[in-house]
Amino acid sequence: MPNPNRGSCGYQSNEFEPEYDRPSKSELKRQMTALQKLGQELVDAPRDRVKRVPMPEDVRDAILECQTITNHEGRRRQMQFVGKKMRTLDEEEVALIQKTIDSWKGASKAETAAMHSLERKREKLLANDTALTELMAENPELDVQHLRTLIRNARKEQAENKPPKAYREIFQILKEVQAKHKAAAKSADADDEDQDDENDDA
């Protein structure tokens, strides 16, 4: 016969039950979703990058396999399998994968910023003739006549809604200039380091 006084003694019936450190259902769901998302990012990444990510071979194989599947249903099933494999990883392995993906994003951010910078330079060239003078002062090796023609053609393309052939060519020239400057800066840094080493040895 149930005790009518049960639970009315000033304490809850579960008060003396041992506490467990197991994560709650919602926390487990969050972790599973995060791992699935991480797996999706790896599937979406270029194959050569995935091959260099530090992770167990069976997990990598599942990801690379998923990249080759074009059938929608087949890919969905393989993606579920990737999620299952991701859940076999320990915290350290997951952290290492996340760190690698974050480093990709950092590189992508730098590339995007560099591209925006080139786009701004190109807009300046089209909007203001003094921008070309400045560019030539910094890069006297450029063909000023060719650049003038490209700028004139790019303005015409925009005005007449034509395909941006000259517009794109200006971008490529600016990209090459930027690459040369980067290479020169790298070379100068290397020379400085060599000089420092020589001074240390002296």
N, C-alpha and C. Protein backbone atom coordinates (compact mmCIF):
# COMPACT_ATOMS: atom_id res chain seq x y z
N MET A 1 0.84 -1.20 0.00
CA MET A 1 0.00 0.00 0.00
C MET A 1 0.87 1.24 0.00
N PRO A 2 0.64 2.21 -0.95
CA PRO A 2 1.52 3.38 -0.98
C PRO A 2 1.41 4.23 0.26
N ASN A 3 2.50 4.78 0.69
CA ASN A 3 2.53 5.61 1.89
C ASN A 3 1.99 7.00 1.55
N PRO A 4 0.88 7.45 2.17
CA PRO A 4 0.31 8.77 1.85
C PRO A 4 1.21 9.92 2.24
N ASN A 5 2.13 9.67 3.19
CA ASN A 5 3.05 10.74 3.64
C ASN A 5 4.28 10.88 2.77
N ARG A 6 4.46 9.96 1.80
CA ARG A 6 5.68 9.98 0.97
C ARG A 6 5.78 11.31 0.21
N GLY A 7 6.93 11.91 0.26
CA GLY A 7 7.16 13.16 -0.46
C GLY A 7 6.71 14.38 0.32
N SER A 8 6.10 14.21 1.48
CA SER A 8 5.64 15.39 2.23
C SER A 8 6.49 15.64 3.46
N CYS A 9 7.68 15.10 3.48
CA CYS A 9 8.54 15.24 4.66
C CYS A 9 9.51 16.39 4.54
N GLY A 10 9.28 17.29 3.58
CA GLY A 10 10.16 18.46 3.46
C GLY A 10 11.32 18.22 2.53
N TYR A 11 11.36 17.09 1.88
CA TYR A 11 12.41 16.87 0.89
C TYR A 11 11.81 16.17 -0.33
N GLN A 12 12.45 16.35 -1.47
CA GLN A 12 11.96 15.68 -2.68
C GLN A 12 12.48 14.27 -2.72
N SER A 13 11.68 13.39 -3.34
CA SER A 13 12.03 11.98 -3.31
C SER A 13 13.35 11.68 -4.03
N ASN A 14 13.78 12.60 -4.96
CA ASN A 14 15.03 12.32 -5.68
C ASN A 14 16.23 13.02 -5.05
N GLU A 15 16.02 13.60 -3.89
CA GLU A 15 17.09 14.41 -3.27
C GLU A 15 18.32 13.58 -2.95
N PHE A 16 18.11 12.32 -2.58
CA PHE A 16 19.24 11.50 -2.16
C PHE A 16 19.75 10.59 -3.27
N GLU A 17 19.21 10.78 -4.48
CA GLU A 17 19.70 9.98 -5.60
C GLU A 17 21.08 10.48 -6.01
N PRO A 18 21.99 9.59 -6.41
CA PRO A 18 23.33 10.05 -6.82
C PRO A 18 23.24 10.91 -8.07
N GLU A 19 24.08 11.96 -8.16
CA GLU A 19 24.09 12.83 -9.32
C GLU A 19 25.05 12.27 -10.37
N TYR A 20 24.65 12.35 -11.65
CA TYR A 20 25.51 11.86 -12.73
C TYR A 20 26.00 13.04 -13.55
N ASP A 21 27.23 12.90 -14.04
CA ASP A 21 27.83 13.97 -14.85
C ASP A 21 27.52 13.81 -16.34
N ARG A 22 26.63 12.88 -16.66
CA ARG A 22 26.33 12.67 -18.08
C ARG A 22 25.69 13.91 -18.68
N PRO A 23 26.06 14.24 -19.95
CA PRO A 23 25.45 15.42 -20.56
C PRO A 23 23.96 15.22 -20.79
N SER A 24 23.20 16.28 -20.77
CA SER A 24 21.76 16.20 -20.98
C SER A 24 21.48 15.83 -22.43
N LYS A 25 20.22 15.47 -22.70
CA LYS A 25 19.84 15.09 -24.07
C LYS A 25 20.06 16.25 -25.04
N SER A 26 19.71 17.46 -24.60
CA SER A 26 19.87 18.62 -25.48
C SER A 26 21.35 18.91 -25.75
N GLU A 27 22.20 18.67 -24.73
CA GLU A 27 23.65 18.88 -24.90
C GLU A 27 24.21 17.85 -25.89
N LEU A 28 23.74 16.61 -25.74
CA LEU A 28 24.19 15.55 -26.66
C LEU A 28 23.78 15.87 -28.09
N LYS A 29 22.56 16.40 -28.24
CA LYS A 29 22.06 16.75 -29.57
C LYS A 29 22.91 17.86 -30.18
N ARG A 30 23.28 18.83 -29.32
CA ARG A 30 24.12 19.95 -29.78
C ARG A 30 25.47 19.44 -30.27
N GLN A 31 26.06 18.51 -29.50
CA GLN A 31 27.36 17.94 -29.85
C GLN A 31 27.27 17.18 -31.19
N MET A 32 26.18 16.40 -31.35
CA MET A 32 26.00 15.63 -32.58
C MET A 32 25.83 16.55 -33.78
N THR A 33 25.07 17.64 -33.60
CA THR A 33 24.86 18.60 -34.69
C THR A 33 26.17 19.26 -35.07
N ALA A 34 26.98 19.62 -34.05
CA ALA A 34 28.28 20.26 -34.30
C ALA A 34 29.21 19.33 -35.07
N LEU A 35 29.21 18.04 -34.70
CA LEU A 35 30.06 17.06 -35.39
C LEU A 35 29.59 16.83 -36.83
N GLN A 36 28.26 16.80 -37.01
CA GLN A 36 27.69 16.63 -38.36
C GLN A 36 28.11 17.82 -39.24
N LYS A 37 28.06 19.02 -38.65
CA LYS A 37 28.41 20.24 -39.38
C LYS A 37 29.90 20.21 -39.75
N LEU A 38 30.72 19.75 -38.82
CA LEU A 38 32.16 19.64 -39.06
C LEU A 38 32.43 18.66 -40.20
N GLY A 39 31.69 17.54 -40.18
CA GLY A 39 31.81 16.55 -41.25
C GLY A 39 31.41 17.14 -42.59
N GLN A 40 30.34 17.95 -42.60
CA GLN A 40 29.86 18.58 -43.82
C GLN A 40 30.91 19.55 -44.38
N GLU A 41 31.56 20.31 -43.47
CA GLU A 41 32.61 21.25 -43.90
C GLU A 41 33.77 20.51 -44.57
N LEU A 42 34.09 19.33 -44.02
CA LEU A 42 35.17 18.52 -44.59
C LEU A 42 34.77 17.95 -45.96
N VAL A 43 33.52 17.53 -46.07
CA VAL A 43 33.02 16.99 -47.35
C VAL A 43 33.04 18.10 -48.42
N ASP A 44 32.74 19.32 -48.01
CA ASP A 44 32.70 20.46 -48.95
C ASP A 44 34.10 20.99 -49.31
N ALA A 45 35.10 20.59 -48.54
CA ALA A 45 36.46 21.10 -48.75
C ALA A 45 37.15 20.38 -49.91
N PRO A 46 38.18 21.01 -50.52
CA PRO A 46 38.92 20.33 -51.60
C PRO A 46 39.57 19.04 -51.10
N ARG A 47 39.61 18.01 -51.96
CA ARG A 47 40.13 16.69 -51.57
C ARG A 47 41.56 16.75 -51.04
N ASP A 48 42.42 17.54 -51.72
CA ASP A 48 43.83 17.57 -51.29
C ASP A 48 43.97 18.16 -49.88
N ARG A 49 43.05 19.06 -49.53
CA ARG A 49 43.08 19.61 -48.16
C ARG A 49 42.63 18.55 -47.15
N VAL A 50 41.56 17.84 -47.48
CA VAL A 50 41.02 16.81 -46.58
C VAL A 50 42.08 15.75 -46.30
N LYS A 51 42.86 15.40 -47.33
CA LYS A 51 43.89 14.36 -47.17
C LYS A 51 44.97 14.78 -46.17
N ARG A 52 45.13 16.10 -45.99
CA ARG A 52 46.17 16.59 -45.07
C ARG A 52 45.66 16.84 -43.64
N VAL A 53 44.35 16.69 -43.44
CA VAL A 53 43.78 16.93 -42.10
C VAL A 53 44.13 15.76 -41.19
N PRO A 54 44.66 16.06 -39.98
CA PRO A 54 44.99 14.96 -39.06
C PRO A 54 43.72 14.32 -38.49
N MET A 55 43.44 13.08 -38.93
CA MET A 55 42.26 12.34 -38.43
C MET A 55 42.42 10.86 -38.73
N PRO A 56 41.66 10.00 -38.04
CA PRO A 56 41.77 8.56 -38.31
C PRO A 56 41.43 8.24 -39.77
N GLU A 57 42.08 7.21 -40.27
CA GLU A 57 41.94 6.87 -41.69
C GLU A 57 40.50 6.52 -42.09
N ASP A 58 39.78 5.80 -41.20
CA ASP A 58 38.41 5.38 -41.56
C ASP A 58 37.48 6.59 -41.71
N VAL A 59 37.73 7.63 -40.88
CA VAL A 59 36.91 8.85 -40.96
C VAL A 59 37.21 9.57 -42.28
N ARG A 60 38.53 9.67 -42.60
CA ARG A 60 38.93 10.34 -43.85
C ARG A 60 38.36 9.60 -45.06
N ASP A 61 38.42 8.27 -45.03
CA ASP A 61 37.91 7.47 -46.15
C ASP A 61 36.42 7.72 -46.37
N ALA A 62 35.66 7.82 -45.26
CA ALA A 62 34.21 8.06 -45.35
C ALA A 62 33.93 9.42 -45.99
N ILE A 63 34.75 10.42 -45.63
CA ILE A 63 34.59 11.78 -46.18
C ILE A 63 34.93 11.81 -47.67
N LEU A 64 36.08 11.21 -48.02
CA LEU A 64 36.51 11.18 -49.42
C LEU A 64 35.51 10.41 -50.29
N GLU A 65 34.94 9.35 -49.72
CA GLU A 65 33.94 8.55 -50.43
C GLU A 65 32.69 9.41 -50.70
N CYS A 66 32.29 10.17 -49.70
CA CYS A 66 31.11 11.03 -49.82
C CYS A 66 31.29 12.08 -50.93
N GLN A 67 32.51 12.57 -51.07
CA GLN A 67 32.80 13.59 -52.10
C GLN A 67 32.59 13.05 -53.52
N THR A 68 32.73 11.74 -53.67
CA THR A 68 32.64 11.15 -55.03
C THR A 68 31.20 10.80 -55.41
N ILE A 69 30.28 10.80 -54.43
CA ILE A 69 28.90 10.39 -54.71
C ILE A 69 28.08 11.58 -55.24
N THR A 70 27.49 11.39 -56.40
CA THR A 70 26.69 12.48 -57.00
C THR A 70 25.19 12.25 -56.81
N ASN A 71 24.80 10.99 -56.64
CA ASN A 71 23.39 10.67 -56.42
C ASN A 71 22.92 11.28 -55.10
N HIS A 72 21.80 12.02 -55.13
CA HIS A 72 21.34 12.77 -53.95
C HIS A 72 21.09 11.86 -52.75
N GLU A 73 20.33 10.78 -52.96
CA GLU A 73 19.98 9.88 -51.85
C GLU A 73 21.23 9.16 -51.34
N GLY A 74 22.08 8.72 -52.28
CA GLY A 74 23.32 8.03 -51.89
C GLY A 74 24.22 8.94 -51.08
N ARG A 75 24.30 10.20 -51.50
CA ARG A 75 25.15 11.18 -50.79
C ARG A 75 24.58 11.46 -49.40
N ARG A 76 23.24 11.54 -49.32
CA ARG A 76 22.61 11.80 -48.01
C ARG A 76 22.92 10.67 -47.03
N ARG A 77 22.82 9.42 -47.53
CA ARG A 77 23.11 8.26 -46.66
C ARG A 77 24.58 8.25 -46.23
N GLN A 78 25.48 8.55 -47.20
CA GLN A 78 26.90 8.57 -46.89
C GLN A 78 27.21 9.69 -45.89
N MET A 79 26.48 10.82 -46.01
CA MET A 79 26.69 11.95 -45.10
C MET A 79 26.30 11.55 -43.67
N GLN A 80 25.24 10.72 -43.55
CA GLN A 80 24.84 10.21 -42.23
C GLN A 80 25.94 9.31 -41.67
N PHE A 81 26.54 8.53 -42.57
CA PHE A 81 27.63 7.64 -42.16
C PHE A 81 28.84 8.47 -41.70
N VAL A 82 29.11 9.58 -42.42
CA VAL A 82 30.21 10.49 -42.03
C VAL A 82 29.93 11.03 -40.62
N GLY A 83 28.67 11.43 -40.37
CA GLY A 83 28.29 11.93 -39.05
C GLY A 83 28.53 10.89 -37.97
N LYS A 84 28.20 9.63 -38.28
CA LYS A 84 28.39 8.52 -37.34
C LYS A 84 29.89 8.34 -37.05
N LYS A 85 30.70 8.42 -38.11
CA LYS A 85 32.16 8.29 -37.95
C LYS A 85 32.72 9.45 -37.13
N MET A 86 32.20 10.66 -37.36
CA MET A 86 32.68 11.84 -36.63
C MET A 86 32.43 11.68 -35.12
N ARG A 87 31.34 10.97 -34.78
CA ARG A 87 31.00 10.78 -33.36
C ARG A 87 31.93 9.79 -32.66
N THR A 88 32.77 9.08 -33.46
CA THR A 88 33.72 8.14 -32.84
C THR A 88 35.01 8.87 -32.41
N LEU A 89 35.15 10.12 -32.84
CA LEU A 89 36.37 10.88 -32.51
C LEU A 89 36.37 11.34 -31.05
N ASP A 90 37.56 11.42 -30.46
CA ASP A 90 37.63 11.98 -29.11
C ASP A 90 37.80 13.50 -29.19
N GLU A 91 37.70 14.16 -28.05
CA GLU A 91 37.72 15.63 -28.01
C GLU A 91 38.97 16.22 -28.65
N GLU A 92 40.10 15.56 -28.39
CA GLU A 92 41.39 16.06 -28.91
C GLU A 92 41.42 16.02 -30.44
N GLU A 93 40.91 14.91 -31.00
CA GLU A 93 40.88 14.77 -32.47
C GLU A 93 39.96 15.80 -33.11
N VAL A 94 38.80 16.02 -32.46
CA VAL A 94 37.85 17.01 -32.96
C VAL A 94 38.47 18.41 -32.93
N ALA A 95 39.15 18.73 -31.82
CA ALA A 95 39.79 20.05 -31.67
C ALA A 95 40.84 20.28 -32.74
N LEU A 96 41.57 19.22 -33.07
CA LEU A 96 42.64 19.31 -34.09
C LEU A 96 42.04 19.57 -35.48
N ILE A 97 40.94 18.87 -35.78
CA ILE A 97 40.25 19.06 -37.07
C ILE A 97 39.70 20.48 -37.15
N GLN A 98 39.06 20.93 -36.05
CA GLN A 98 38.48 22.29 -36.03
C GLN A 98 39.56 23.35 -36.23
N LYS A 99 40.71 23.12 -35.59
CA LYS A 99 41.83 24.07 -35.70
C LYS A 99 42.31 24.16 -37.16
N THR A 100 42.36 23.01 -37.83
CA THR A 100 42.79 22.98 -39.24
C THR A 100 41.81 23.73 -40.12
N ILE A 101 40.51 23.49 -39.90
CA ILE A 101 39.47 24.17 -40.70
C ILE A 101 39.52 25.68 -40.45
N ASP A 102 39.72 26.06 -39.19
CA ASP A 102 39.82 27.49 -38.85
C ASP A 102 41.00 28.14 -39.56
N SER A 103 42.11 27.39 -39.69
CA SER A 103 43.29 27.95 -40.37
C SER A 103 42.99 28.17 -41.85
N TRP A 104 42.17 27.27 -42.44
CA TRP A 104 41.74 27.48 -43.84
C TRP A 104 40.96 28.77 -43.96
N LYS A 105 40.04 28.96 -43.00
CA LYS A 105 39.17 30.15 -43.06
C LYS A 105 40.00 31.42 -42.91
N GLY A 106 41.03 31.34 -42.06
CA GLY A 106 41.92 32.50 -41.88
C GLY A 106 42.61 32.84 -43.19
N ALA A 107 43.08 31.79 -43.89
CA ALA A 107 43.75 32.00 -45.18
C ALA A 107 42.76 32.56 -46.19
N SER A 108 41.53 32.04 -46.16
CA SER A 108 40.50 32.52 -47.10
C SER A 108 40.17 33.98 -46.83
N LYS A 109 40.12 34.34 -45.54
CA LYS A 109 39.83 35.75 -45.18
C LYS A 109 40.90 36.67 -45.74
N ALA A 110 42.16 36.24 -45.62
CA ALA A 110 43.27 37.06 -46.12
C ALA A 110 43.19 37.19 -47.64
N GLU A 111 42.83 36.07 -48.31
CA GLU A 111 42.69 36.10 -49.78
C GLU A 111 41.55 37.03 -50.19
N THR A 112 40.43 36.95 -49.45
CA THR A 112 39.27 37.80 -49.76
C THR A 112 39.62 39.27 -49.58
N ALA A 113 40.34 39.58 -48.47
CA ALA A 113 40.74 40.96 -48.21
C ALA A 113 41.64 41.49 -49.32
N ALA A 114 42.58 40.63 -49.78
CA ALA A 114 43.49 41.02 -50.87
C ALA A 114 42.72 41.28 -52.16
N MET A 115 41.70 40.45 -52.40
CA MET A 115 40.89 40.61 -53.61
C MET A 115 40.10 41.92 -53.57
N HIS A 116 39.51 42.21 -52.40
CA HIS A 116 38.76 43.47 -52.24
C HIS A 116 39.66 44.68 -52.45
N SER A 117 40.90 44.57 -51.96
CA SER A 117 41.86 45.65 -52.12
C SER A 117 42.15 45.91 -53.61
N LEU A 118 42.30 44.82 -54.38
CA LEU A 118 42.55 44.93 -55.83
C LEU A 118 41.33 45.53 -56.54
N GLU A 119 40.14 45.12 -56.11
CA GLU A 119 38.92 45.65 -56.72
C GLU A 119 38.80 47.16 -56.49
N ARG A 120 39.18 47.59 -55.27
CA ARG A 120 39.13 49.03 -54.96
C ARG A 120 40.13 49.80 -55.82
N LYS A 121 41.32 49.21 -56.03
CA LYS A 121 42.35 49.86 -56.87
C LYS A 121 41.85 49.99 -58.31
N ARG A 122 41.18 48.94 -58.78
CA ARG A 122 40.66 48.96 -60.15
C ARG A 122 39.59 50.05 -60.29
N GLU A 123 38.70 50.17 -59.30
CA GLU A 123 37.65 51.20 -59.35
C GLU A 123 38.27 52.60 -59.36
N LYS A 124 39.35 52.75 -58.58
CA LYS A 124 40.06 54.04 -58.54
C LYS A 124 40.61 54.39 -59.93
N LEU A 125 41.20 53.38 -60.58
CA LEU A 125 41.78 53.60 -61.92
C LEU A 125 40.71 54.06 -62.92
N LEU A 126 39.52 53.49 -62.79
CA LEU A 126 38.44 53.85 -63.71
C LEU A 126 37.84 55.21 -63.38
N ALA A 127 37.87 55.57 -62.09
CA ALA A 127 37.22 56.81 -61.67
C ALA A 127 38.13 58.03 -61.72
N ASN A 128 39.45 57.78 -61.60
CA ASN A 128 40.36 58.92 -61.42
C ASN A 128 41.68 58.70 -62.17
N ASP A 129 42.02 59.62 -63.05
CA ASP A 129 43.25 59.48 -63.85
C ASP A 129 44.52 59.55 -63.02
N THR A 130 44.45 60.25 -61.88
CA THR A 130 45.66 60.36 -61.04
C THR A 130 46.05 59.00 -60.44
N ALA A 131 45.06 58.08 -60.33
CA ALA A 131 45.35 56.75 -59.79
C ALA A 131 46.33 56.01 -60.70
N LEU A 132 46.21 56.23 -62.01
CA LEU A 132 47.14 55.60 -62.96
C LEU A 132 48.54 56.18 -62.80
N THR A 133 48.63 57.48 -62.59
CA THR A 133 49.93 58.14 -62.38
C THR A 133 50.62 57.55 -61.15
N GLU A 134 49.83 57.36 -60.08
CA GLU A 134 50.38 56.78 -58.84
C GLU A 134 50.85 55.35 -59.07
N LEU A 135 50.03 54.58 -59.81
CA LEU A 135 50.38 53.19 -60.09
C LEU A 135 51.68 53.10 -60.90
N MET A 136 51.83 53.97 -61.87
CA MET A 136 53.03 53.99 -62.72
C MET A 136 54.27 54.42 -61.92
N ALA A 137 54.07 55.33 -60.97
CA ALA A 137 55.19 55.79 -60.13
C ALA A 137 55.74 54.64 -59.28
N GLU A 138 54.81 53.78 -58.82
CA GLU A 138 55.21 52.64 -57.99
C GLU A 138 55.71 51.46 -58.84
N ASN A 139 55.20 51.39 -60.09
CA ASN A 139 55.54 50.26 -60.96
C ASN A 139 55.91 50.74 -62.36
N PRO A 140 57.08 51.36 -62.50
CA PRO A 140 57.47 51.95 -63.80
C PRO A 140 57.61 50.92 -64.91
N GLU A 141 57.71 49.64 -64.55
CA GLU A 141 57.88 48.60 -65.59
C GLU A 141 56.58 48.34 -66.37
N LEU A 142 55.44 48.83 -65.87
CA LEU A 142 54.16 48.60 -66.54
C LEU A 142 54.05 49.40 -67.84
N ASP A 143 53.28 48.87 -68.77
CA ASP A 143 53.06 49.53 -70.06
C ASP A 143 51.91 50.53 -69.90
N VAL A 144 52.25 51.80 -69.77
CA VAL A 144 51.25 52.84 -69.50
C VAL A 144 50.25 52.98 -70.64
N GLN A 145 50.74 52.83 -71.88
CA GLN A 145 49.85 52.97 -73.04
C GLN A 145 48.78 51.87 -73.05
N HIS A 146 49.24 50.65 -72.76
CA HIS A 146 48.33 49.49 -72.71
C HIS A 146 47.28 49.69 -71.62
N LEU A 147 47.75 50.16 -70.45
CA LEU A 147 46.83 50.39 -69.33
C LEU A 147 45.80 51.47 -69.65
N ARG A 148 46.25 52.54 -70.29
CA ARG A 148 45.32 53.62 -70.68
C ARG A 148 44.21 53.08 -71.60
N THR A 149 44.63 52.25 -72.55
CA THR A 149 43.67 51.65 -73.50
C THR A 149 42.67 50.76 -72.74
N LEU A 150 43.19 49.94 -71.81
CA LEU A 150 42.32 49.04 -71.04
C LEU A 150 41.31 49.83 -70.20
N ILE A 151 41.80 50.92 -69.57
CA ILE A 151 40.91 51.75 -68.74
C ILE A 151 39.81 52.37 -69.60
N ARG A 152 40.22 52.88 -70.76
CA ARG A 152 39.24 53.50 -71.68
C ARG A 152 38.20 52.45 -72.11
N ASN A 153 38.68 51.25 -72.47
CA ASN A 153 37.78 50.17 -72.91
C ASN A 153 36.86 49.70 -71.79
N ALA A 154 37.41 49.63 -70.56
CA ALA A 154 36.61 49.19 -69.40
C ALA A 154 35.49 50.18 -69.11
N ARG A 155 35.80 51.47 -69.23
CA ARG A 155 34.76 52.50 -69.03
C ARG A 155 33.66 52.35 -70.08
N LYS A 156 34.09 52.06 -71.33
CA LYS A 156 33.14 51.89 -72.43
C LYS A 156 32.25 50.65 -72.17
N GLU A 157 32.90 49.57 -71.71
CA GLU A 157 32.15 48.34 -71.40
C GLU A 157 31.04 48.61 -70.38
N GLN A 158 31.41 49.36 -69.33
CA GLN A 158 30.43 49.67 -68.29
C GLN A 158 29.30 50.53 -68.84
N ALA A 159 29.66 51.53 -69.63
CA ALA A 159 28.66 52.46 -70.17
C ALA A 159 27.69 51.76 -71.12
N GLU A 160 28.22 50.77 -71.87
CA GLU A 160 27.38 50.12 -72.88
C GLU A 160 26.93 48.71 -72.47
N ASN A 161 27.16 48.37 -71.19
CA ASN A 161 26.78 47.05 -70.66
C ASN A 161 27.35 45.89 -71.49
N LYS A 162 28.59 46.03 -71.88
CA LYS A 162 29.26 44.99 -72.66
C LYS A 162 29.98 44.00 -71.72
N PRO A 163 30.37 42.81 -72.20
CA PRO A 163 31.13 41.88 -71.35
C PRO A 163 32.41 42.54 -70.84
N PRO A 164 32.74 42.35 -69.53
CA PRO A 164 33.86 43.08 -68.91
C PRO A 164 35.24 42.52 -69.21
N LYS A 165 35.61 42.49 -70.50
CA LYS A 165 36.90 41.89 -70.90
C LYS A 165 38.08 42.74 -70.40
N ALA A 166 38.07 44.03 -70.76
CA ALA A 166 39.16 44.93 -70.33
C ALA A 166 39.15 45.09 -68.81
N TYR A 167 37.96 45.15 -68.24
CA TYR A 167 37.76 45.28 -66.78
C TYR A 167 38.48 44.14 -66.05
N ARG A 168 38.33 42.91 -66.59
CA ARG A 168 38.98 41.74 -65.98
C ARG A 168 40.49 41.77 -66.19
N GLU A 169 40.89 42.24 -67.36
CA GLU A 169 42.34 42.28 -67.65
C GLU A 169 43.06 43.25 -66.71
N ILE A 170 42.42 44.37 -66.39
CA ILE A 170 43.01 45.33 -65.43
C ILE A 170 43.22 44.63 -64.09
N PHE A 171 42.22 43.85 -63.67
CA PHE A 171 42.31 43.12 -62.39
C PHE A 171 43.51 42.17 -62.41
N GLN A 172 43.71 41.44 -63.53
CA GLN A 172 44.82 40.50 -63.63
C GLN A 172 46.18 41.21 -63.54
N ILE A 173 46.27 42.38 -64.18
CA ILE A 173 47.53 43.16 -64.12
C ILE A 173 47.80 43.59 -62.68
N LEU A 174 46.76 44.08 -62.01
CA LEU A 174 46.92 44.51 -60.61
C LEU A 174 47.30 43.32 -59.72
N LYS A 175 46.74 42.16 -60.03
CA LYS A 175 47.04 40.94 -59.27
C LYS A 175 48.52 40.55 -59.42
N GLU A 176 49.01 40.65 -60.66
CA GLU A 176 50.43 40.34 -60.92
C GLU A 176 51.35 41.32 -60.20
N VAL A 177 50.95 42.60 -60.20
CA VAL A 177 51.74 43.64 -59.50
C VAL A 177 51.81 43.31 -58.01
N GLN A 178 50.65 42.94 -57.45
CA GLN A 178 50.59 42.61 -56.02
C GLN A 178 51.48 41.40 -55.70
N ALA A 179 51.44 40.40 -56.58
CA ALA A 179 52.25 39.18 -56.38
C ALA A 179 53.75 39.52 -56.41
N LYS A 180 54.13 40.43 -57.34
CA LYS A 180 55.55 40.85 -57.43
C LYS A 180 55.98 41.55 -56.15
N HIS A 181 55.12 42.44 -55.65
CA HIS A 181 55.44 43.17 -54.41
C HIS A 181 55.60 42.21 -53.23
N LYS A 182 54.70 41.20 -53.19
CA LYS A 182 54.77 40.21 -52.10
C LYS A 182 56.08 39.43 -52.17
N ALA A 183 56.45 39.01 -53.38
CA ALA A 183 57.68 38.24 -53.57
C ALA A 183 58.90 39.07 -53.19
N ALA A 184 58.86 40.36 -53.58
CA ALA A 184 59.98 41.26 -53.26
C ALA A 184 60.10 41.46 -51.75
N ALA A 185 58.94 41.60 -51.09
CA ALA A 185 58.94 41.80 -49.62
C ALA A 185 59.48 40.56 -48.92
N LYS A 186 59.08 39.37 -49.44
CA LYS A 186 59.55 38.11 -48.85
C LYS A 186 61.06 37.97 -49.01
N SER A 187 61.53 38.33 -50.19
CA SER A 187 62.96 38.25 -50.49
C SER A 187 63.76 39.21 -49.59
N ALA A 188 63.19 40.41 -49.38
CA ALA A 188 63.85 41.40 -48.52
C ALA A 188 63.92 40.90 -47.07
N ASP A 189 62.83 40.26 -46.62
CA ASP A 189 62.81 39.70 -45.26
C ASP A 189 63.86 38.62 -45.11
N ALA A 190 63.99 37.79 -46.14
CA ALA A 190 64.98 36.69 -46.11
C ALA A 190 66.40 37.27 -46.07
N ASP A 191 66.63 38.33 -46.84
CA ASP A 191 67.96 38.98 -46.84
C ASP A 191 68.27 39.56 -45.48
N ASP A 192 67.24 40.17 -44.85
CA ASP A 192 67.42 40.74 -43.51
C ASP A 192 67.81 39.67 -42.51
N GLU A 193 67.15 38.51 -42.61
CA GLU A 193 67.44 37.40 -41.70
C GLU A 193 68.87 36.90 -41.91
N ASP A 194 69.27 36.79 -43.18
CA ASP A 194 70.64 36.34 -43.49
C ASP A 194 71.66 37.34 -42.92
N GLN A 195 71.33 38.63 -43.07
CA GLN A 195 72.23 39.68 -42.56
C GLN A 195 72.35 39.59 -41.04
N ASP A 196 71.20 39.34 -40.39
CA ASP A 196 71.20 39.19 -38.93
C ASP A 196 72.06 38.01 -38.52
N ASP A 197 71.95 36.90 -39.27
CA ASP A 197 72.73 35.70 -38.96
C ASP A 197 74.22 35.99 -39.09
N GLU A 198 74.59 36.74 -40.16
CA GLU A 198 75.99 37.09 -40.39
C GLU A 198 76.51 37.97 -39.25
N ASN A 199 75.68 38.90 -38.81
CA ASN A 199 76.08 39.79 -37.70
C ASN A 199 76.25 39.01 -36.42
N ASP A 200 75.38 37.98 -36.21
CA ASP A 200 75.49 37.15 -35.03
C ASP A 200 76.78 36.35 -35.04
N ASP A 201 77.15 35.88 -36.27
CA ASP A 201 78.37 35.06 -36.39
C ASP A 201 79.63 35.90 -36.22
N ALA A 202 79.51 37.19 -36.58
CA ALA A 202 80.69 38.06 -36.56
C ALA A 202 81.19 38.29 -35.15
